[in-house]
Protein backbone atom coordinates (compact mmCIF):
# COMPACT_ATOMS: atom_id res chain seq x y z
CA MET A 1 102.88 65.44 92.88
CA LYS A 2 105.27 68.43 92.81
CA ILE A 3 105.60 68.14 89.01
CA LEU A 4 101.81 68.09 88.62
CA THR A 5 101.47 71.14 90.89
CA ALA A 6 104.15 73.02 88.92
CA ALA A 7 102.50 72.09 85.61
CA LEU A 8 99.13 73.30 86.89
CA ALA A 9 100.69 76.54 88.12
CA ILE A 10 102.27 77.16 84.71
CA ALA A 11 99.02 76.31 82.90
CA LEU A 12 97.12 78.80 85.07
CA GLY A 13 99.74 81.49 84.55
CA TRP A 14 101.14 81.40 88.06
CA SER A 15 104.84 81.43 88.67
CA VAL A 16 106.10 78.41 90.56
CA ALA A 17 107.93 80.73 92.97
CA ALA A 18 104.72 82.59 93.77
CA HIS A 19 102.95 79.27 94.28
CA ALA A 20 105.66 78.28 96.73
CA GLY A 21 104.76 81.30 98.87
CA GLU A 22 107.24 83.86 97.53
CA ALA A 23 105.75 87.36 97.40
CA LYS A 24 105.40 89.22 94.10
CA LYS A 25 107.99 92.00 93.96
CA ALA A 26 107.18 95.55 92.89
CA THR A 27 109.15 98.80 92.76
CA ILE A 28 107.27 102.09 93.03
CA TYR A 29 108.84 105.36 91.82
CA LYS A 30 106.95 108.21 93.47
CA PRO A 31 107.11 111.92 94.23
CA MET A 32 108.90 112.83 97.46
CA GLN A 33 105.78 113.85 99.41
CA CYS A 34 102.99 111.61 98.06
CA GLY A 35 100.89 110.05 100.80
CA CYS A 36 98.57 108.22 98.40
CA CYS A 37 101.59 106.40 96.92
CA ASP A 38 102.58 105.26 100.41
CA GLU A 39 98.99 104.11 101.03
CA TYR A 40 99.08 102.21 97.73
CA ALA A 41 102.33 100.49 98.74
CA ASP A 42 100.66 99.41 102.01
CA TYR A 43 97.64 98.18 100.00
CA LEU A 44 99.93 96.00 97.88
CA LYS A 45 101.71 94.65 100.96
CA LYS A 46 98.34 93.65 102.45
CA HIS A 47 97.76 91.66 99.25
CA GLY A 48 101.03 89.73 99.53
CA PHE A 49 103.43 91.91 97.53
CA THR A 50 106.94 92.89 98.52
CA VAL A 51 107.26 96.57 97.66
CA ASP A 52 110.32 98.80 97.30
CA VAL A 53 109.39 102.50 97.35
CA ILE A 54 111.77 104.97 95.75
CA SER A 55 110.97 108.64 96.42
CA MET A 56 112.26 110.96 93.72
CA PRO A 57 112.28 114.74 93.18
CA ASN A 58 111.17 114.18 89.54
CA PRO A 59 109.45 110.82 88.89
CA ASP A 60 108.29 112.16 85.50
CA LEU A 61 111.68 111.05 84.16
CA VAL A 62 110.78 107.43 84.95
CA LYS A 63 107.44 107.85 83.18
CA LYS A 64 109.19 109.15 80.07
CA MET A 65 111.85 106.43 80.16
CA LYS A 66 109.14 103.75 80.43
CA GLY A 67 107.06 105.26 77.61
CA VAL A 68 103.96 106.29 79.55
CA PRO A 69 101.91 108.36 77.07
CA GLN A 70 100.95 111.92 77.92
CA GLY A 71 97.51 111.99 79.49
CA PHE A 72 97.88 108.49 80.94
CA GLU A 73 100.14 109.40 83.85
CA GLY A 74 99.28 108.49 87.42
CA CYS A 75 100.81 109.71 90.65
CA HIS A 76 103.52 107.03 90.57
CA THR A 77 105.09 104.47 88.25
CA MET A 78 105.51 100.87 89.33
CA MET A 79 107.59 98.13 87.76
CA ILE A 80 106.55 94.52 88.29
CA ASP A 81 107.45 91.44 86.20
CA ASP A 82 108.78 93.68 83.38
CA TYR A 83 105.47 95.56 83.20
CA VAL A 84 104.93 99.29 83.73
CA VAL A 85 101.98 99.90 86.03
CA GLU A 86 101.01 103.54 86.15
CA GLY A 87 98.87 104.89 88.97
CA LEU A 88 96.61 103.38 91.61
CA VAL A 89 95.57 100.18 89.82
CA PRO A 90 93.26 97.93 91.89
CA ILE A 91 94.54 94.48 92.90
CA LYS A 92 92.01 92.59 90.76
CA THR A 93 93.31 94.23 87.58
CA LEU A 94 96.94 93.95 88.69
CA ASN A 95 96.46 90.22 89.27
CA LYS A 96 94.77 89.92 85.86
CA LEU A 97 97.89 91.43 84.26
CA LEU A 98 100.26 89.16 86.18
CA THR A 99 98.19 86.02 85.56
CA GLU A 100 97.33 86.52 81.88
CA LYS A 101 100.78 87.96 81.02
CA PRO A 102 99.69 89.76 77.82
CA LYS A 103 102.34 90.99 75.40
CA ILE A 104 101.96 94.65 76.28
CA LYS A 105 104.16 97.32 77.86
CA GLY A 106 101.89 97.75 80.86
CA ILE A 107 98.71 99.31 82.19
CA SER A 108 97.59 102.69 83.52
CA LEU A 109 94.91 104.18 85.73
CA PRO A 110 95.42 107.86 84.84
CA GLY A 111 95.23 110.59 87.44
CA MET A 112 94.30 109.99 91.05
CA PRO A 113 90.63 108.97 91.02
CA VAL A 114 88.73 109.25 94.30
CA GLY A 115 88.00 105.78 95.68
CA SER A 116 90.92 104.07 93.96
CA PRO A 117 93.38 102.20 96.23
CA GLY A 118 95.29 104.81 98.21
CA MET A 119 92.77 107.61 97.61
CA PRO A 120 90.18 108.47 100.25
CA GLY A 121 86.48 108.64 99.57
CA PRO A 122 83.92 106.50 97.79
CA LYS A 123 84.42 105.59 94.15
CA ARG A 124 82.33 107.99 92.04
CA ALA A 125 82.58 106.21 88.70
CA PRO A 126 84.05 103.02 87.27
CA LEU A 127 87.84 102.99 87.20
CA ILE A 128 89.05 102.50 83.63
CA ILE A 129 92.49 100.93 83.36
CA TYR A 130 94.20 101.27 79.99
CA GLU A 131 96.60 98.98 78.17
CA LEU A 132 99.87 100.74 77.32
CA SER A 133 100.83 99.31 73.99
CA GLY A 134 98.85 100.91 71.21
CA ASN A 135 98.25 104.44 70.08
CA PRO A 136 95.91 105.43 71.53
CA PRO A 137 95.94 103.10 74.54
CA LYS A 138 92.83 100.90 74.74
CA GLU A 139 90.79 99.73 77.71
CA PHE A 140 92.32 96.79 79.61
CA ALA A 141 89.85 96.54 82.50
CA ARG A 142 87.03 98.40 84.23
CA GLU A 143 86.38 98.22 87.97
């Protein structure tokens, strides 16, 4: 039965470790005084992630090192499963990335849109999350 469960998990794109109850691990590189980044980390924890938060005086260096294109920056940069996740990406889209495992560098929700996870207020427009692999980046998801 364990082999069948593991095979099903692999077929569905789940990691066996995550299926066994191990939390997904993420590292967030954020500005020193960013409350929305801390709220986003709490949001991820509520959805079963283990989150390391690293406050930095200049997180733009991480963005440049990870190849985040100009104009697609968010308030923080997160690394998870070898993907770059830029900004306040909703859990549905983050899970899509981690389940489908596309061959891309990562995804980005540019800026700090009102109503996105970690930002107060009602969502005013659909959140467009971009795939970071082409030039220009193309739409990955819309929430």
